[in-house]
Amino acid sequence: MLQESKTLHLRCALAAALFFATVSLSCLILFRDVDSYRFFSGFSSSYALPRFPTFFPLVTVDPSVTTNEYPLERILNDAAMEDKTVILTTLNEAWAAPNSVIDLFLQSFRIGDHTSRLLNHLVIIALDQKAFARCQVIHTHCFSLANEEADFHEEAYFMTPSYLMMMWRRIDFLRSVLEKGYNFVFTDADIMWFRDPFPRFHLDADFQIACDHFTGGFDDVMNRPNGGFNFVKSNNRSIEFYKFWYSSRETYPGYHDQDVLNFIKVHPFIADIGLKMRFLDTTNFGGLCEPSRDLNQVCTMHANCCFGMDSKLHDLRIMLQDWKHYLSLPPNLKKLSVVSWRVPQKCSLDSLRHHGSPEQSVQG
């Protein structure tokens, strides 16, 4: 009996010693982690660790998912229509999140009138690695334009340095697509596609672009173009125009591509190269700046003139709801145009003045 009691006490002592040893070792590791964090936090922000140690592994992007499997030429060829026309949009992490802008964009194609087939010709140009990884989950044709020189993963507000860099990089990339012999429709991802726009394009135009405000004349240079939607044919005239447009950023430093387009659209160089420029009617290609009031004629609607991601998503969702309601109407009521948009709401011009901010918050 005495021997059993001694054995029991010995086991208890060993268990207690093991417990305290485990606790001590854990504390030592924790303090070493904290010291390591203090050490590394002295380096630049690109190497900074999280503010508090984490006990869960960090989510990392698989490098194999963020590298283009095929060159741009093959991706464009796979997506192109018979006449070598592709539809292009750009995407960054801010707009690539689930239930965000890109999902609404793709949904509009699926519920639009003769637009779902156009998804076969859409190429999403990812501006960062996470956007590229998300694209590969939700779409067929993806191309990564991400590099180490610029990071476009966050929402880029109108006229910030990040916004300007992103816009000019887009212009240069589109020039390269033209040089490869492809026509393109470029569309921002915050543009909802409700009808096939191709029947509404001008057959004789080299370059045609949507407007924030349409004066009523297709060739009136007083129109206010919006670079978020345009159809461009690949030829010597359009290639030279894009080169001129891109180089003009140095002539007008600090301006974005849309402002510079307004400056150069009357430049003698445009006439010299013989470029045929046309402006698209907001009746068919509307936006929150100037909505297309007739749902019987609308092709696309742009969430322009909008401040902030929350406001943009709110109005885009209402836009899709309004379109679904329109589709549910019997033909006789559709013809009467009894339904109109309930937007803008949060994207109203009053909200812009309230925020005291520029006209747009864009993609990102």
Protein backbone atom coordinates (compact mmCIF):
# COMPACT_ATOMS: atom_id res chain seq x y z
CA MET A 1 0.00 0.00 0.00
CA LEU A 2 2.87 2.34 0.90
CA GLN A 3 4.62 1.48 -2.37
CA GLU A 4 1.48 2.35 -4.39
CA SER A 5 1.21 5.71 -2.58
CA LYS A 6 4.81 6.58 -3.41
CA THR A 7 4.25 5.64 -7.04
CA LEU A 8 1.16 7.86 -7.21
CA HIS A 9 3.02 10.85 -5.72
CA LEU A 10 5.88 10.31 -8.17
CA ARG A 11 3.49 10.31 -11.15
CA CYS A 12 1.84 13.52 -9.92
CA ALA A 13 5.22 15.19 -9.52
CA LEU A 14 6.28 14.17 -13.01
CA ALA A 15 3.01 15.44 -14.51
CA ALA A 16 3.37 18.78 -12.73
CA ALA A 17 6.97 19.13 -13.90
CA LEU A 18 5.97 18.34 -17.48
CA PHE A 19 3.14 20.92 -17.33
CA PHE A 20 5.40 23.72 -16.06
CA ALA A 21 8.07 22.83 -18.62
CA THR A 22 5.50 23.07 -21.44
CA VAL A 23 4.22 26.44 -20.21
CA SER A 24 7.76 27.79 -19.87
CA LEU A 25 8.68 26.66 -23.38
CA SER A 26 5.52 28.25 -24.83
CA CYS A 27 6.28 31.56 -23.11
CA LEU A 28 9.85 31.45 -24.39
CA ILE A 29 8.65 30.91 -27.97
CA LEU A 30 6.05 33.68 -27.63
CA PHE A 31 8.60 36.21 -26.34
CA ARG A 32 11.01 35.25 -29.10
CA ASP A 33 8.22 35.83 -31.67
CA VAL A 34 7.54 39.25 -30.16
CA ASP A 35 11.24 40.12 -30.21
CA SER A 36 11.45 38.95 -33.82
CA TYR A 37 8.47 41.12 -34.70
CA ARG A 38 10.11 44.15 -33.06
CA PHE A 39 13.27 43.45 -35.02
CA PHE A 40 11.59 43.07 -38.41
CA SER A 41 9.25 46.01 -37.86
CA GLY A 42 12.28 48.27 -38.08
CA PHE A 43 12.54 47.49 -41.79
CA SER A 44 10.52 49.14 -44.58
CA SER A 45 6.78 48.55 -44.82
CA SER A 46 7.22 46.09 -47.67
CA TYR A 47 8.74 43.68 -45.14
CA ALA A 48 6.54 44.56 -42.17
CA LEU A 49 4.84 41.77 -40.25
CA PRO A 50 1.31 41.96 -38.84
CA ARG A 51 0.93 44.19 -35.79
CA PHE A 52 0.11 41.21 -33.57
CA PRO A 53 1.55 37.70 -33.87
CA THR A 54 -0.86 35.35 -35.56
CA PHE A 55 -1.36 31.74 -34.65
CA PHE A 56 -2.86 30.92 -38.06
CA PRO A 57 -0.91 30.64 -41.32
CA LEU A 58 -1.04 33.68 -43.57
CA VAL A 59 -3.04 33.28 -46.77
CA THR A 60 -0.62 33.36 -49.67
CA VAL A 61 -1.18 33.38 -53.40
CA ASP A 62 0.13 30.35 -55.22
CA PRO A 63 2.77 31.67 -57.67
CA SER A 64 1.67 29.13 -60.27
CA VAL A 65 -1.79 30.74 -60.28
CA THR A 66 -0.45 34.26 -60.80
CA THR A 67 1.68 33.60 -63.86
CA ASN A 68 0.33 33.69 -67.39
CA GLU A 69 0.18 30.16 -68.72
CA TYR A 70 -0.11 31.44 -72.28
CA PRO A 71 1.14 34.59 -74.04
CA LEU A 72 -1.25 37.45 -74.70
CA GLU A 73 -1.38 36.61 -78.41
CA ARG A 74 -2.83 33.16 -77.73
CA ILE A 75 -5.35 34.45 -75.17
CA LEU A 76 -6.58 37.10 -77.60
CA ASN A 77 -6.78 34.55 -80.41
CA ASP A 78 -8.80 32.13 -78.27
CA ALA A 79 -11.26 34.86 -77.27
CA ALA A 80 -11.56 36.68 -80.60
CA MET A 81 -14.61 36.78 -82.83
CA GLU A 82 -14.26 35.86 -86.49
CA ASP A 83 -13.24 39.43 -87.37
CA LYS A 84 -10.57 39.45 -84.62
CA THR A 85 -12.60 41.55 -82.20
CA VAL A 86 -12.25 41.02 -78.45
CA ILE A 87 -13.92 42.56 -75.41
CA LEU A 88 -11.48 43.76 -72.76
CA THR A 89 -11.84 44.88 -69.17
CA THR A 90 -9.33 45.51 -66.40
CA LEU A 91 -9.59 44.19 -62.86
CA ASN A 92 -7.79 44.76 -59.57
CA GLU A 93 -8.16 43.23 -56.13
CA ALA A 94 -10.58 45.90 -54.92
CA TRP A 95 -13.11 45.04 -57.63
CA ALA A 96 -12.34 41.30 -57.70
CA ALA A 97 -13.67 40.45 -54.22
CA PRO A 98 -16.65 38.05 -54.13
CA ASN A 99 -20.01 39.83 -54.52
CA SER A 100 -18.21 42.94 -55.71
CA VAL A 101 -18.04 44.77 -59.04
CA ILE A 102 -16.74 41.94 -61.22
CA ASP A 103 -19.55 39.58 -60.19
CA LEU A 104 -22.19 42.18 -61.03
CA PHE A 105 -20.45 42.84 -64.34
CA LEU A 106 -20.55 39.17 -65.35
CA GLN A 107 -24.12 38.82 -64.10
CA SER A 108 -25.24 41.61 -66.43
CA PHE A 109 -23.96 39.63 -69.42
CA ARG A 110 -25.85 36.55 -68.27
CA ILE A 111 -29.19 38.31 -67.87
CA GLY A 112 -28.82 40.74 -70.77
CA ASP A 113 -30.50 40.50 -74.16
CA HIS A 114 -28.22 38.42 -76.43
CA THR A 115 -25.19 39.22 -74.29
CA SER A 116 -24.35 35.91 -72.59
CA ARG A 117 -22.58 34.63 -75.72
CA LEU A 118 -20.31 37.69 -75.62
CA LEU A 119 -18.66 36.32 -72.48
CA ASN A 120 -16.83 33.90 -74.78
CA HIS A 121 -15.04 36.91 -76.24
CA LEU A 122 -14.26 38.72 -72.98
CA VAL A 123 -10.66 38.90 -71.74
CA ILE A 124 -10.14 40.11 -68.18
CA ILE A 125 -6.84 41.94 -67.74
CA ALA A 126 -5.74 41.54 -64.11
CA LEU A 127 -3.68 44.37 -62.64
CA ASP A 128 -2.49 42.44 -59.58
CA GLN A 129 -1.96 38.85 -58.52
CA LYS A 130 -5.10 38.41 -56.43
CA ALA A 131 -7.26 39.76 -59.23
CA PHE A 132 -5.63 37.28 -61.61
CA ALA A 133 -6.21 34.39 -59.21
CA ARG A 134 -9.89 35.35 -58.82
CA CYS A 135 -10.30 35.73 -62.57
CA GLN A 136 -9.11 32.19 -63.14
CA VAL A 137 -11.86 30.95 -60.82
CA ILE A 138 -14.73 32.87 -62.43
CA HIS A 139 -13.79 33.29 -66.10
CA THR A 140 -12.12 31.54 -69.03
CA HIS A 141 -9.90 34.20 -70.59
CA CYS A 142 -7.57 35.93 -68.13
CA PHE A 143 -4.29 37.77 -68.59
CA SER A 144 -2.04 39.15 -65.86
CA LEU A 145 -0.58 42.60 -66.35
CA ALA A 146 0.80 42.68 -62.81
CA ASN A 147 4.42 43.57 -62.19
CA GLU A 148 6.60 44.85 -59.40
CA GLU A 149 6.72 48.43 -60.66
CA ALA A 150 3.15 49.32 -59.74
CA ASP A 151 0.56 47.98 -57.32
CA PHE A 152 -3.06 48.54 -58.29
CA HIS A 153 -4.71 46.19 -55.80
CA GLU A 154 -6.52 48.92 -53.86
CA GLU A 155 -9.44 51.06 -54.96
CA ALA A 156 -7.99 53.95 -56.95
CA TYR A 157 -9.80 57.22 -56.40
CA PHE A 158 -10.23 59.70 -59.20
CA MET A 159 -7.10 61.76 -59.99
CA THR A 160 -4.87 60.19 -57.34
CA PRO A 161 -1.36 59.22 -58.52
CA SER A 162 -2.38 55.55 -58.46
CA TYR A 163 -5.40 56.32 -60.62
CA LEU A 164 -3.34 58.26 -63.16
CA MET A 165 -0.72 55.55 -63.42
CA MET A 166 -3.39 52.89 -63.90
CA MET A 167 -5.21 54.85 -66.60
CA TRP A 168 -2.09 55.55 -68.63
CA ARG A 169 -0.90 51.99 -68.33
CA ARG A 170 -4.26 50.93 -69.72
CA ILE A 171 -3.87 53.21 -72.76
CA ASP A 172 -0.43 51.79 -73.52
CA PHE A 173 -1.68 48.22 -73.19
CA LEU A 174 -4.61 48.87 -75.54
CA ARG A 175 -2.17 50.23 -78.11
CA SER A 176 -0.30 46.92 -77.96
CA VAL A 177 -3.54 45.02 -78.61
CA LEU A 178 -4.16 47.11 -81.72
CA GLU A 179 -0.62 46.45 -82.92
CA LYS A 180 -1.30 42.72 -82.70
CA GLY A 181 -4.13 43.20 -85.20
CA TYR A 182 -7.11 42.92 -82.85
CA ASN A 183 -10.11 45.22 -82.71
CA PHE A 184 -11.46 45.69 -79.22
CA VAL A 185 -14.35 46.92 -77.16
CA PHE A 186 -12.87 48.21 -73.95
CA THR A 187 -15.31 48.34 -71.04
CA ASP A 188 -14.87 49.27 -67.41
CA ALA A 189 -16.14 46.51 -65.12
CA ASP A 190 -18.65 48.90 -63.53
CA ILE A 191 -20.55 49.01 -66.83
CA MET A 192 -23.57 46.73 -67.03
CA TRP A 193 -24.16 45.07 -70.41
CA PHE A 194 -27.90 44.74 -71.04
CA ARG A 195 -27.96 44.41 -74.85
CA ASP A 196 -25.54 43.48 -77.59
CA PRO A 197 -23.95 46.85 -78.45
CA PHE A 198 -22.47 45.88 -81.81
CA PRO A 199 -25.58 46.75 -83.88
CA ARG A 200 -25.39 50.27 -82.40
CA PHE A 201 -21.79 50.94 -83.36
CA HIS A 202 -20.92 53.20 -86.29
CA LEU A 203 -19.66 51.15 -89.23
CA ASP A 204 -17.35 53.87 -90.57
CA ALA A 205 -15.57 54.76 -87.32
CA ASP A 206 -12.00 53.89 -86.36
CA PHE A 207 -12.53 55.03 -82.78
CA GLN A 208 -15.88 55.45 -81.04
CA ILE A 209 -16.39 56.27 -77.41
CA ALA A 210 -19.16 56.63 -74.82
CA CYS A 211 -19.92 60.00 -73.25
CA ASP A 212 -20.58 61.48 -69.83
CA HIS A 213 -22.65 64.03 -71.74
CA PHE A 214 -23.87 63.64 -75.32
CA THR A 215 -24.68 66.81 -77.24
CA GLY A 216 -26.74 65.07 -79.91
CA GLY A 217 -24.12 64.95 -82.66
CA PHE A 218 -22.08 61.81 -83.31
CA ASP A 219 -19.13 63.80 -84.64
CA ASP A 220 -19.46 66.84 -82.37
CA VAL A 221 -16.14 67.37 -80.59
CA MET A 222 -18.01 69.23 -77.84
CA ASN A 223 -19.23 65.87 -76.54
CA ARG A 224 -17.71 64.86 -73.20
CA PRO A 225 -16.19 61.41 -73.82
CA ASN A 226 -15.71 58.79 -71.11
CA GLY A 227 -12.74 56.45 -71.56
CA GLY A 228 -14.53 53.63 -69.75
CA PHE A 229 -16.20 52.35 -72.92
CA ASN A 230 -14.94 52.46 -76.49
CA PHE A 231 -14.81 50.40 -79.66
CA VAL A 232 -11.61 50.64 -81.69
CA LYS A 233 -10.69 49.02 -84.99
CA SER A 234 -7.11 47.93 -85.54
CA ASN A 235 -5.50 49.88 -88.37
CA ASN A 236 -2.63 52.29 -88.90
CA ARG A 237 -4.81 55.27 -87.99
CA SER A 238 -5.93 53.90 -84.63
CA ILE A 239 -2.44 52.68 -83.72
CA GLU A 240 -0.93 56.09 -84.45
CA PHE A 241 -3.75 57.72 -82.49
CA TYR A 242 -3.08 55.61 -79.38
CA LYS A 243 0.63 56.37 -79.61
CA PHE A 244 -0.17 60.07 -79.83
CA TRP A 245 -2.66 59.83 -76.97
CA TYR A 246 -0.15 58.06 -74.73
CA SER A 247 2.71 60.44 -75.55
CA SER A 248 0.44 63.42 -74.85
CA ARG A 249 0.55 62.58 -71.14
CA GLU A 250 3.93 64.34 -71.17
CA THR A 251 2.44 67.39 -72.86
CA TYR A 252 -0.29 67.57 -70.21
CA PRO A 253 1.33 66.25 -67.01
CA GLY A 254 -0.99 65.57 -64.09
CA TYR A 255 -4.03 64.99 -66.31
CA HIS A 256 -5.74 61.66 -66.79
CA ASP A 257 -6.36 60.01 -70.14
CA GLN A 258 -9.91 61.31 -70.45
CA ASP A 259 -8.89 64.94 -69.95
CA VAL A 260 -6.02 64.55 -72.38
CA LEU A 261 -8.41 63.05 -74.94
CA ASN A 262 -10.54 66.17 -74.60
CA PHE A 263 -7.45 68.27 -75.33
CA ILE A 264 -6.22 66.30 -78.33
CA LYS A 265 -9.55 65.44 -80.00
CA VAL A 266 -9.32 68.75 -81.90
CA HIS A 267 -5.58 68.51 -82.55
CA PRO A 268 -4.54 68.78 -86.23
CA PHE A 269 -2.75 65.45 -85.89
CA ILE A 270 -6.13 63.66 -85.73
CA ALA A 271 -7.11 65.06 -89.12
CA ASP A 272 -3.62 64.45 -90.51
CA ILE A 273 -3.80 60.71 -89.85
CA GLY A 274 -7.40 60.56 -91.06
CA LEU A 275 -8.83 59.04 -87.87
CA LYS A 276 -12.62 58.77 -87.92
CA MET A 277 -13.80 59.49 -84.38
CA ARG A 278 -17.43 59.06 -83.31
CA PHE A 279 -19.24 59.66 -80.03
CA LEU A 280 -21.86 57.22 -78.74
CA ASP A 281 -25.35 58.38 -77.78
CA THR A 282 -26.22 58.09 -74.08
CA THR A 283 -29.64 56.82 -75.19
CA ASN A 284 -27.91 53.52 -75.93
CA PHE A 285 -24.73 53.87 -73.88
CA GLY A 286 -25.83 55.62 -70.72
CA GLY A 287 -24.43 56.15 -67.28
CA LEU A 288 -25.23 57.71 -63.96
CA CYS A 289 -23.88 61.03 -65.26
CA GLU A 290 -26.53 60.95 -67.99
CA PRO A 291 -28.77 57.85 -67.71
CA SER A 292 -30.32 56.11 -70.67
CA ARG A 293 -33.99 56.68 -69.88
CA ASP A 294 -35.51 54.20 -72.34
CA LEU A 295 -34.90 50.61 -71.30
CA ASN A 296 -36.07 49.52 -74.75
CA GLN A 297 -32.96 51.07 -76.27
CA VAL A 298 -30.28 50.80 -73.61
CA CYS A 299 -27.24 48.65 -74.35
CA THR A 300 -24.94 49.55 -71.47
CA MET A 301 -25.14 51.56 -68.25
CA HIS A 302 -22.05 52.91 -66.51
CA ALA A 303 -21.75 53.61 -62.78
CA ASN A 304 -19.83 56.80 -63.48
CA CYS A 305 -20.16 60.07 -61.54
CA CYS A 306 -19.93 58.03 -58.36
CA PHE A 307 -17.93 58.39 -55.15
CA GLY A 308 -16.82 55.31 -53.22
CA MET A 309 -17.17 51.56 -53.55
CA ASP A 310 -20.23 51.20 -51.31
CA SER A 311 -22.20 53.77 -53.29
CA LYS A 312 -21.18 52.21 -56.57
CA LEU A 313 -22.18 48.68 -55.52
CA HIS A 314 -25.48 49.93 -54.11
CA ASP A 315 -26.52 51.61 -57.35
CA LEU A 316 -25.23 48.79 -59.56
CA ARG A 317 -27.36 46.27 -57.68
CA ILE A 318 -30.44 48.47 -58.06
CA MET A 319 -29.64 48.81 -61.75
CA LEU A 320 -29.66 45.02 -62.15
CA GLN A 321 -32.92 44.77 -60.20
CA ASP A 322 -34.52 47.37 -62.47
CA TRP A 323 -33.43 45.44 -65.55
CA LYS A 324 -34.85 42.18 -64.19
CA HIS A 325 -38.14 43.95 -63.47
CA TYR A 326 -38.18 45.28 -67.02
CA LEU A 327 -37.61 41.77 -68.41
CA SER A 328 -40.54 40.43 -66.38
CA LEU A 329 -43.00 42.82 -68.03
CA PRO A 330 -45.30 41.69 -70.85
CA PRO A 331 -44.33 43.02 -74.31
CA ASN A 332 -47.10 45.64 -74.42
CA LEU A 333 -45.91 47.26 -71.18
CA LYS A 334 -42.30 47.19 -72.31
CA LYS A 335 -43.24 49.17 -75.42
CA LEU A 336 -44.95 51.80 -73.29
CA SER A 337 -41.68 52.45 -71.43
CA VAL A 338 -43.50 52.43 -68.10
CA VAL A 339 -40.32 51.38 -66.28
CA SER A 340 -37.29 53.59 -65.78
CA TRP A 341 -34.15 53.46 -63.69
CA ARG A 342 -34.30 54.12 -59.96
CA VAL A 343 -30.70 55.26 -60.11
CA PRO A 344 -28.73 57.30 -59.36
CA GLN A 345 -29.32 57.12 -55.62
CA LYS A 346 -26.14 56.99 -53.56
CA CYS A 347 -24.20 57.93 -56.68
CA SER A 348 -26.12 61.16 -57.14
CA LEU A 349 -24.32 64.40 -57.92
CA ASP A 350 -25.53 65.71 -54.55
CA SER A 351 -23.53 62.96 -52.84
CA LEU A 352 -20.45 64.03 -54.79
CA ARG A 353 -20.83 67.59 -53.58
CA HIS A 354 -21.40 66.28 -50.05
CA HIS A 355 -18.11 64.40 -50.12
CA GLY A 356 -16.37 67.34 -51.74
CA SER A 357 -14.64 64.87 -54.02
CA PRO A 358 -14.02 64.54 -57.73
CA GLU A 359 -16.58 63.02 -60.01
CA GLN A 360 -15.62 59.40 -59.90
CA SER A 361 -14.27 56.61 -57.82
CA VAL A 362 -12.97 54.03 -60.17
CA GLN A 363 -11.05 50.87 -60.30
CA GLY A 364 -9.71 49.94 -59.11
